[in-house]
Amino acid sequence: MSERAVLEVIALTAEDAIAAQSGGADRLELVTDMAADGLTPPVETFAAIRAAVDIPLRVMLRAADGFAVGSPADVDALVRDARALRAEGAEEFVLGFLDAEGNADLVAVERLVAELEGCRWTFHRAIDRAGDRDAVRKQLADLPGLDTYLTAGAAEGVDAGLPTLLAEAARAGEPGYGAQILVGGGLRLDHLPVLRDAGINAFHIGGAARPGGWAEAVSARAVGEWRGVLDA
């Protein structure tokens, strides 16, 4: 329990980012449009946030709600987004796409990863919609830069996914299980002790950082409460 836990907070604006950093966030996930569960933010938003804070930023690459990437033209558009964000200084990303059978959409993922050469990235909660989580992990295991899975263990959230999270944590280091588990999706403070006891030490919050709801900015005090519990 001695290793400092990673706390990642969703930021939509520079105001969010400043509050999250002051509350003790280690990293931000940058998105827009939470009504669609988080899409690629404008380059201008990234630039404003990068100028406002000095903690790592992971930028979402996702153009529409759901976990299908869409047409080849949609993939081309995401590649252009990634290129523009990198040109502005983005170094870390978040992405994840499934095909109709619930397998990793390797065509789309590999195209984006090729554009992200040298960047670290998170495969996000698409893993929670996969037909076979173990198979998806093994499909992705050799892709360069993949260092994190953002997961609740189940599509319904951490309450339902806790047994899966604990089982996957126990497999750390096996083929397909080398990436860090970043728990998010219905995560509550009362989940933290059992997750930390299992060796999980990375946590992701969105709504929990906004007591006033998504229409309100991140609360530094709310982030600070999570930081305090994690550091206790």
C-alpha atoms as a PDB file:
ATOM      1  CA  MET A   1       0.000   0.000   0.000  1.00  0.00           C
ATOM      2  CA  SER A   2       3.052   2.250   0.128  1.00  0.00           C
ATOM      3  CA  GLU A   3       3.110   3.070  -3.594  1.00  0.00           C
ATOM      4  CA  ARG A   4       1.304   6.323  -4.309  1.00  0.00           C
ATOM      5  CA  ALA A   5      -1.927   5.657  -6.187  1.00  0.00           C
ATOM      6  CA  VAL A   6      -2.595   7.335  -9.521  1.00  0.00           C
ATOM      7  CA  LEU A   7      -5.691   9.542  -9.575  1.00  0.00           C
ATOM      8  CA  GLU A   8      -6.933  10.473 -13.055  1.00  0.00           C
ATOM      9  CA  VAL A   9      -9.743  13.016 -13.418  1.00  0.00           C
ATOM     10  CA  ILE A  10     -11.868  13.825 -16.475  1.00  0.00           C
ATOM     11  CA  ALA A  11     -11.425  17.443 -17.579  1.00  0.00           C
ATOM     12  CA  LEU A  12     -13.541  19.273 -20.134  1.00  0.00           C
ATOM     13  CA  THR A  13     -12.028  22.749 -19.735  1.00  0.00           C
ATOM     14  CA  ALA A  14      -8.986  24.576 -18.419  1.00  0.00           C
ATOM     15  CA  GLU A  15     -11.051  25.485 -15.340  1.00  0.00           C
ATOM     16  CA  ASP A  16     -11.626  21.767 -14.687  1.00  0.00           C
ATOM     17  CA  ALA A  17      -7.950  21.045 -15.197  1.00  0.00           C
ATOM     18  CA  ILE A  18      -6.746  23.690 -12.751  1.00  0.00           C
ATOM     19  CA  ALA A  19      -9.181  22.499 -10.079  1.00  0.00           C
ATOM     20  CA  ALA A  20      -8.266  18.861 -10.596  1.00  0.00           C
ATOM     21  CA  GLN A  21      -4.546  19.529 -10.363  1.00  0.00           C
ATOM     22  CA  SER A  22      -4.955  21.667  -7.247  1.00  0.00           C
ATOM     23  CA  GLY A  23      -7.017  18.889  -5.659  1.00  0.00           C
ATOM     24  CA  GLY A  24      -4.240  16.381  -6.200  1.00  0.00           C
ATOM     25  CA  ALA A  25      -4.957  14.714  -9.555  1.00  0.00           C
ATOM     26  CA  ASP A  26      -1.935  13.005 -11.105  1.00  0.00           C
ATOM     27  CA  ARG A  27      -3.272  12.954 -14.649  1.00  0.00           C
ATOM     28  CA  LEU A  28      -6.234  14.223 -16.654  1.00  0.00           C
ATOM     29  CA  GLU A  29      -8.353  12.551 -19.295  1.00  0.00           C
ATOM     30  CA  LEU A  30      -9.410  15.211 -21.800  1.00  0.00           C
ATOM     31  CA  VAL A  31     -12.769  14.790 -23.517  1.00  0.00           C
ATOM     32  CA  THR A  32     -15.708  16.742 -24.790  1.00  0.00           C
ATOM     33  CA  ASP A  33     -19.437  15.865 -24.845  1.00  0.00           C
ATOM     34  CA  MET A  34     -20.048  13.693 -21.798  1.00  0.00           C
ATOM     35  CA  ALA A  35     -23.606  13.128 -23.071  1.00  0.00           C
ATOM     36  CA  ALA A  36     -21.884  10.785 -25.534  1.00  0.00           C
ATOM     37  CA  ASP A  37     -19.572   9.401 -22.805  1.00  0.00           C
ATOM     38  CA  GLY A  38     -16.607  11.483 -23.960  1.00  0.00           C
ATOM     39  CA  LEU A  39     -15.418  12.383 -27.454  1.00  0.00           C
ATOM     40  CA  THR A  40     -12.232  13.908 -28.904  1.00  0.00           C
ATOM     41  CA  PRO A  41     -11.825  17.480 -27.635  1.00  0.00           C
ATOM     42  CA  PRO A  42     -10.967  20.343 -29.998  1.00  0.00           C
ATOM     43  CA  VAL A  43      -7.265  21.047 -30.444  1.00  0.00           C
ATOM     44  CA  GLU A  44      -7.912  24.520 -28.971  1.00  0.00           C
ATOM     45  CA  THR A  45      -9.235  22.958 -25.756  1.00  0.00           C
ATOM     46  CA  PHE A  46      -6.179  20.731 -25.483  1.00  0.00           C
ATOM     47  CA  ALA A  47      -3.912  23.741 -25.997  1.00  0.00           C
ATOM     48  CA  ALA A  48      -5.701  25.780 -23.340  1.00  0.00           C
ATOM     49  CA  ILE A  49      -5.493  22.935 -20.815  1.00  0.00           C
ATOM     50  CA  ARG A  50      -1.851  22.206 -21.641  1.00  0.00           C
ATOM     51  CA  ALA A  51      -1.072  25.869 -20.963  1.00  0.00           C
ATOM     52  CA  ALA A  52      -2.987  25.814 -17.664  1.00  0.00           C
ATOM     53  CA  VAL A  53      -1.518  22.751 -15.919  1.00  0.00           C
ATOM     54  CA  ASP A  54       1.690  20.740 -15.861  1.00  0.00           C
ATOM     55  CA  ILE A  55       0.431  17.213 -15.125  1.00  0.00           C
ATOM     56  CA  PRO A  56       0.130  14.533 -17.836  1.00  0.00           C
ATOM     57  CA  LEU A  57      -2.870  14.719 -20.177  1.00  0.00           C
ATOM     58  CA  ARG A  58      -4.444  11.748 -21.930  1.00  0.00           C
ATOM     59  CA  VAL A  59      -6.585  12.847 -24.870  1.00  0.00           C
ATOM     60  CA  MET A  60      -9.624  10.865 -26.044  1.00  0.00           C
ATOM     61  CA  LEU A  61      -9.728   9.696 -29.660  1.00  0.00           C
ATOM     62  CA  ARG A  62     -13.406   8.926 -30.267  1.00  0.00           C
ATOM     63  CA  ALA A  63     -15.798  10.548 -32.716  1.00  0.00           C
ATOM     64  CA  ALA A  64     -19.197   9.123 -31.733  1.00  0.00           C
ATOM     65  CA  ASP A  65     -21.027   7.430 -28.887  1.00  0.00           C
ATOM     66  CA  GLY A  66     -20.512   3.677 -28.688  1.00  0.00           C
ATOM     67  CA  PHE A  67     -17.470   1.510 -29.345  1.00  0.00           C
ATOM     68  CA  ALA A  68     -17.645   0.956 -33.108  1.00  0.00           C
ATOM     69  CA  VAL A  69     -15.254   3.173 -35.053  1.00  0.00           C
ATOM     70  CA  GLY A  70     -17.548   3.557 -38.063  1.00  0.00           C
ATOM     71  CA  SER A  71     -16.468   3.738 -41.703  1.00  0.00           C
ATOM     72  CA  PRO A  72     -12.920   3.917 -43.110  1.00  0.00           C
ATOM     73  CA  ALA A  73     -13.554   7.644 -43.571  1.00  0.00           C
ATOM     74  CA  ASP A  74     -14.302   7.905 -39.850  1.00  0.00           C
ATOM     75  CA  VAL A  75     -10.965   6.227 -39.077  1.00  0.00           C
ATOM     76  CA  ASP A  76      -9.244   8.685 -41.441  1.00  0.00           C
ATOM     77  CA  ALA A  77     -10.839  11.571 -39.537  1.00  0.00           C
ATOM     78  CA  LEU A  78      -9.599  10.208 -36.191  1.00  0.00           C
ATOM     79  CA  VAL A  79      -6.097   9.823 -37.634  1.00  0.00           C
ATOM     80  CA  ARG A  80      -6.221  13.485 -38.686  1.00  0.00           C
ATOM     81  CA  ASP A  81      -7.397  14.448 -35.184  1.00  0.00           C
ATOM     82  CA  ALA A  82      -4.540  12.503 -33.635  1.00  0.00           C
ATOM     83  CA  ARG A  83      -2.039  14.164 -35.981  1.00  0.00           C
ATOM     84  CA  ALA A  84      -3.343  17.642 -35.145  1.00  0.00           C
ATOM     85  CA  LEU A  85      -3.264  16.953 -31.406  1.00  0.00           C
ATOM     86  CA  ARG A  86       0.285  15.620 -31.611  1.00  0.00           C
ATOM     87  CA  ALA A  87       1.339  18.685 -33.560  1.00  0.00           C
ATOM     88  CA  GLU A  88      -0.022  20.775 -30.656  1.00  0.00           C
ATOM     89  CA  GLY A  89       2.017  18.740 -28.174  1.00  0.00           C
ATOM     90  CA  ALA A  90      -0.251  15.881 -27.079  1.00  0.00           C
ATOM     91  CA  GLU A  91       1.814  12.893 -25.952  1.00  0.00           C
ATOM     92  CA  GLU A  92      -0.699  10.494 -24.368  1.00  0.00           C
ATOM     93  CA  PHE A  93      -4.041   9.223 -25.645  1.00  0.00           C
ATOM     94  CA  VAL A  94      -7.151   7.174 -24.861  1.00  0.00           C
ATOM     95  CA  LEU A  95      -8.879   4.969 -27.436  1.00  0.00           C
ATOM     96  CA  GLY A  96     -10.703   1.685 -27.874  1.00  0.00           C
ATOM     97  CA  PHE A  97     -12.824   0.118 -30.600  1.00  0.00           C
ATOM     98  CA  LEU A  98     -14.682  -3.167 -30.981  1.00  0.00           C
ATOM     99  CA  ASP A  99     -16.029  -4.916 -34.044  1.00  0.00           C
ATOM    100  CA  ALA A 100     -19.584  -6.270 -34.351  1.00  0.00           C
ATOM    101  CA  GLU A 101     -18.557  -9.534 -32.666  1.00  0.00           C
ATOM    102  CA  GLY A 102     -17.126  -7.775 -29.627  1.00  0.00           C
ATOM    103  CA  ASN A 103     -13.500  -8.365 -30.564  1.00  0.00           C
ATOM    104  CA  ALA A 104     -10.926  -5.591 -30.693  1.00  0.00           C
ATOM    105  CA  ASP A 105     -11.183  -3.727 -33.994  1.00  0.00           C
ATOM    106  CA  LEU A 106      -7.524  -4.209 -34.806  1.00  0.00           C
ATOM    107  CA  VAL A 107      -7.718  -2.468 -38.173  1.00  0.00           C
ATOM    108  CA  ALA A 108      -8.853   0.781 -36.553  1.00  0.00           C
ATOM    109  CA  VAL A 109      -6.710   0.471 -33.425  1.00  0.00           C
ATOM    110  CA  GLU A 110      -3.542  -0.372 -35.339  1.00  0.00           C
ATOM    111  CA  ARG A 111      -4.041   2.564 -37.719  1.00  0.00           C
ATOM    112  CA  LEU A 112      -4.323   4.968 -34.831  1.00  0.00           C
ATOM    113  CA  VAL A 113      -1.439   3.421 -32.910  1.00  0.00           C
ATOM    114  CA  ALA A 114       0.740   3.805 -36.013  1.00  0.00           C
ATOM    115  CA  GLU A 115      -0.083   7.528 -35.977  1.00  0.00           C
ATOM    116  CA  LEU A 116       0.733   7.671 -32.253  1.00  0.00           C
ATOM    117  CA  GLU A 117       4.201   6.165 -32.621  1.00  0.00           C
ATOM    118  CA  GLY A 118       6.047   6.552 -29.355  1.00  0.00           C
ATOM    119  CA  CYS A 119       2.990   7.737 -27.386  1.00  0.00           C
ATOM    120  CA  ARG A 120       1.553   5.939 -24.386  1.00  0.00           C
ATOM    121  CA  TRP A 121      -2.156   5.171 -24.494  1.00  0.00           C
ATOM    122  CA  THR A 122      -5.086   3.714 -22.591  1.00  0.00           C
ATOM    123  CA  PHE A 123      -7.533   1.177 -24.019  1.00  0.00           C
ATOM    124  CA  HIS A 124     -10.724   2.494 -22.462  1.00  0.00           C
ATOM    125  CA  ARG A 125     -13.987   0.945 -21.333  1.00  0.00           C
ATOM    126  CA  ALA A 126     -14.625  -0.753 -24.661  1.00  0.00           C
ATOM    127  CA  ILE A 127     -12.993  -3.663 -22.781  1.00  0.00           C
ATOM    128  CA  ASP A 128     -16.128  -3.776 -20.599  1.00  0.00           C
ATOM    129  CA  ARG A 129     -18.270  -4.425 -23.713  1.00  0.00           C
ATOM    130  CA  ALA A 130     -15.981  -7.072 -25.173  1.00  0.00           C
ATOM    131  CA  GLY A 131     -17.331 -10.511 -25.954  1.00  0.00           C
ATOM    132  CA  ASP A 132     -14.220 -12.067 -24.391  1.00  0.00           C
ATOM    133  CA  ARG A 133     -12.052  -9.768 -22.269  1.00  0.00           C
ATOM    134  CA  ASP A 134      -9.155 -12.204 -22.123  1.00  0.00           C
ATOM    135  CA  ALA A 135      -9.124 -12.563 -25.920  1.00  0.00           C
ATOM    136  CA  VAL A 136      -9.163  -8.778 -26.408  1.00  0.00           C
ATOM    137  CA  ARG A 137      -6.258  -8.336 -23.996  1.00  0.00           C
ATOM    138  CA  LYS A 138      -4.245 -10.931 -25.896  1.00  0.00           C
ATOM    139  CA  GLN A 139      -5.155  -9.339 -29.248  1.00  0.00           C
ATOM    140  CA  LEU A 140      -3.803  -5.999 -28.041  1.00  0.00           C
ATOM    141  CA  ALA A 141      -0.878  -7.229 -25.942  1.00  0.00           C
ATOM    142  CA  ASP A 142       1.882  -6.520 -28.456  1.00  0.00           C
ATOM    143  CA  LEU A 143       0.722  -3.086 -29.606  1.00  0.00           C
ATOM    144  CA  PRO A 144       3.337  -0.406 -28.864  1.00  0.00           C
ATOM    145  CA  GLY A 145       2.468   2.194 -26.231  1.00  0.00           C
ATOM    146  CA  LEU A 146      -0.467   0.402 -24.587  1.00  0.00           C
ATOM    147  CA  ASP A 147       0.174   0.779 -20.860  1.00  0.00           C
ATOM    148  CA  THR A 148      -3.298   1.064 -19.291  1.00  0.00           C
ATOM    149  CA  TYR A 149      -6.797  -0.421 -19.369  1.00  0.00           C
ATOM    150  CA  LEU A 150      -9.580   1.859 -18.119  1.00  0.00           C
ATOM    151  CA  THR A 151     -12.175  -0.589 -16.849  1.00  0.00           C
ATOM    152  CA  ALA A 152     -14.986  -1.076 -14.359  1.00  0.00           C
ATOM    153  CA  GLY A 153     -14.813  -4.832 -14.829  1.00  0.00           C
ATOM    154  CA  ALA A 154     -18.337  -4.800 -16.306  1.00  0.00           C
ATOM    155  CA  ALA A 155     -20.441  -2.583 -18.531  1.00  0.00           C
ATOM    156  CA  GLU A 156     -22.740  -1.855 -15.570  1.00  0.00           C
ATOM    157  CA  GLY A 157     -19.952  -0.430 -13.435  1.00  0.00           C
ATOM    158  CA  VAL A 158     -17.614  -1.316 -10.597  1.00  0.00           C
ATOM    159  CA  ASP A 159     -20.312  -2.835  -8.343  1.00  0.00           C
ATOM    160  CA  ALA A 160     -20.950  -5.520 -10.969  1.00  0.00           C
ATOM    161  CA  GLY A 161     -17.358  -5.729 -12.162  1.00  0.00           C
ATOM    162  CA  LEU A 162     -15.501  -6.048  -8.858  1.00  0.00           C
ATOM    163  CA  PRO A 163     -14.916  -9.842  -9.098  1.00  0.00           C
ATOM    164  CA  THR A 164     -13.515  -9.418 -12.620  1.00  0.00           C
ATOM    165  CA  LEU A 165     -11.228  -6.569 -11.550  1.00  0.00           C
ATOM    166  CA  LEU A 166      -9.841  -8.639  -8.683  1.00  0.00           C
ATOM    167  CA  ALA A 167      -9.335 -11.675 -10.908  1.00  0.00           C
ATOM    168  CA  GLU A 168      -7.523  -9.613 -13.555  1.00  0.00           C
ATOM    169  CA  ALA A 169      -5.338  -7.923 -10.942  1.00  0.00           C
ATOM    170  CA  ALA A 170      -4.269 -11.374  -9.756  1.00  0.00           C
ATOM    171  CA  ARG A 171      -3.037 -12.133 -13.300  1.00  0.00           C
ATOM    172  CA  ALA A 172      -0.705  -9.103 -13.483  1.00  0.00           C
ATOM    173  CA  GLY A 173       2.340  -9.911 -15.567  1.00  0.00           C
ATOM    174  CA  GLU A 174       0.762 -12.755 -17.534  1.00  0.00           C
ATOM    175  CA  PRO A 175       0.560 -12.354 -21.348  1.00  0.00           C
ATOM    176  CA  GLY A 176      -2.116  -9.716 -21.999  1.00  0.00           C
ATOM    177  CA  TYR A 177      -2.058  -8.541 -18.374  1.00  0.00           C
ATOM    178  CA  GLY A 178       1.037  -6.349 -18.339  1.00  0.00           C
ATOM    179  CA  ALA A 179      -0.837  -3.031 -18.670  1.00  0.00           C
ATOM    180  CA  GLN A 180      -1.931  -1.134 -15.567  1.00  0.00           C
ATOM    181  CA  ILE A 181      -5.555  -1.478 -14.472  1.00  0.00           C
ATOM    182  CA  LEU A 182      -7.142   1.986 -14.131  1.00  0.00           C
ATOM    183  CA  VAL A 183     -10.499   1.521 -12.403  1.00  0.00           C
ATOM    184  CA  GLY A 184     -13.316   3.851 -13.432  1.00  0.00           C
ATOM    185  CA  GLY A 185     -17.032   3.705 -14.100  1.00  0.00           C
ATOM    186  CA  GLY A 186     -19.314   3.961 -11.092  1.00  0.00           C
ATOM    187  CA  LEU A 187     -16.277   3.984  -8.786  1.00  0.00           C
ATOM    188  CA  ARG A 188     -16.946   5.053  -5.192  1.00  0.00           C
ATOM    189  CA  LEU A 189     -14.703   5.756  -2.248  1.00  0.00           C
ATOM    190  CA  ASP A 190     -15.948   2.624  -0.492  1.00  0.00           C
ATOM    191  CA  HIS A 191     -14.595   0.467  -3.352  1.00  0.00           C
ATOM    192  CA  LEU A 192     -11.030   1.642  -2.752  1.00  0.00           C
ATOM    193  CA  PRO A 193      -9.924  -0.559   0.175  1.00  0.00           C
ATOM    194  CA  VAL A 194     -10.669  -3.881  -1.543  1.00  0.00           C
ATOM    195  CA  LEU A 195      -9.189  -2.698  -4.836  1.00  0.00           C
ATOM    196  CA  ARG A 196      -6.001  -1.452  -3.171  1.00  0.00           C
ATOM    197  CA  ASP A 197      -5.689  -4.663  -1.178  1.00  0.00           C
ATOM    198  CA  ALA A 198      -5.723  -6.495  -4.544  1.00  0.00           C
ATOM    199  CA  GLY A 199      -2.766  -4.421  -5.692  1.00  0.00           C
ATOM    200  CA  ILE A 200      -4.716  -2.038  -7.933  1.00  0.00           C
ATOM    201  CA  ASN A 201      -3.347   1.481  -7.611  1.00  0.00           C
ATOM    202  CA  ALA A 202      -4.830   3.595 -10.409  1.00  0.00           C
ATOM    203  CA  PHE A 203      -8.274   5.213 -10.261  1.00  0.00           C
ATOM    204  CA  HIS A 204     -10.342   7.345 -12.643  1.00  0.00           C
ATOM    205  CA  ILE A 205     -13.174   9.696 -11.666  1.00  0.00           C
ATOM    206  CA  GLY A 206     -15.536  11.904 -13.626  1.00  0.00           C
ATOM    207  CA  GLY A 207     -18.856  12.608 -11.982  1.00  0.00           C
ATOM    208  CA  ALA A 208     -17.346  12.017  -8.533  1.00  0.00           C
ATOM    209  CA  ALA A 209     -15.198  15.119  -9.073  1.00  0.00           C
ATOM    210  CA  ARG A 210     -18.316  17.206  -9.767  1.00  0.00           C
ATOM    211  CA  PRO A 211     -20.744  17.212  -6.845  1.00  0.00           C
ATOM    212  CA  GLY A 212     -22.908  19.669  -8.805  1.00  0.00           C
ATOM    213  CA  GLY A 213     -23.204  17.373 -11.818  1.00  0.00           C
ATOM    214  CA  TRP A 214     -21.689  17.570 -15.292  1.00  0.00           C
ATOM    215  CA  ALA A 215     -23.013  21.082 -15.835  1.00  0.00           C
ATOM    216  CA  GLU A 216     -20.640  22.250 -13.068  1.00  0.00           C
ATOM    217  CA  ALA A 217     -16.848  22.421 -13.093  1.00  0.00           C
ATOM    218  CA  VAL A 218     -14.550  20.010 -11.302  1.00  0.00           C
ATOM    219  CA  SER A 219     -14.390  20.650  -7.549  1.00  0.00           C
ATOM    220  CA  ALA A 220     -10.850  20.813  -6.165  1.00  0.00           C
ATOM    221  CA  ARG A 221     -12.313  19.883  -2.790  1.00  0.00           C
ATOM    222  CA  ALA A 222     -13.973  16.728  -4.180  1.00  0.00           C
ATOM    223  CA  VAL A 223     -10.729  15.684  -5.902  1.00  0.00           C
ATOM    224  CA  GLY A 224      -8.878  16.413  -2.669  1.00  0.00           C
ATOM    225  CA  GLU A 225     -11.172  14.061  -0.760  1.00  0.00           C
ATOM    226  CA  TRP A 226     -10.225  11.213  -3.124  1.00  0.00           C
ATOM    227  CA  ARG A 227      -6.547  12.130  -2.884  1.00  0.00           C
ATOM    228  CA  GLY A 228      -6.754  12.086   0.903  1.00  0.00           C
ATOM    229  CA  VAL A 229      -8.385   8.663   1.025  1.00  0.00           C
ATOM    230  CA  LEU A 230      -5.876   7.231  -1.468  1.00  0.00           C
ATOM    231  CA  ASP A 231      -2.938   8.637   0.475  1.00  0.00           C
ATOM    232  CA  ALA A 232      -4.222   7.622   3.911  1.00  0.00           C
END
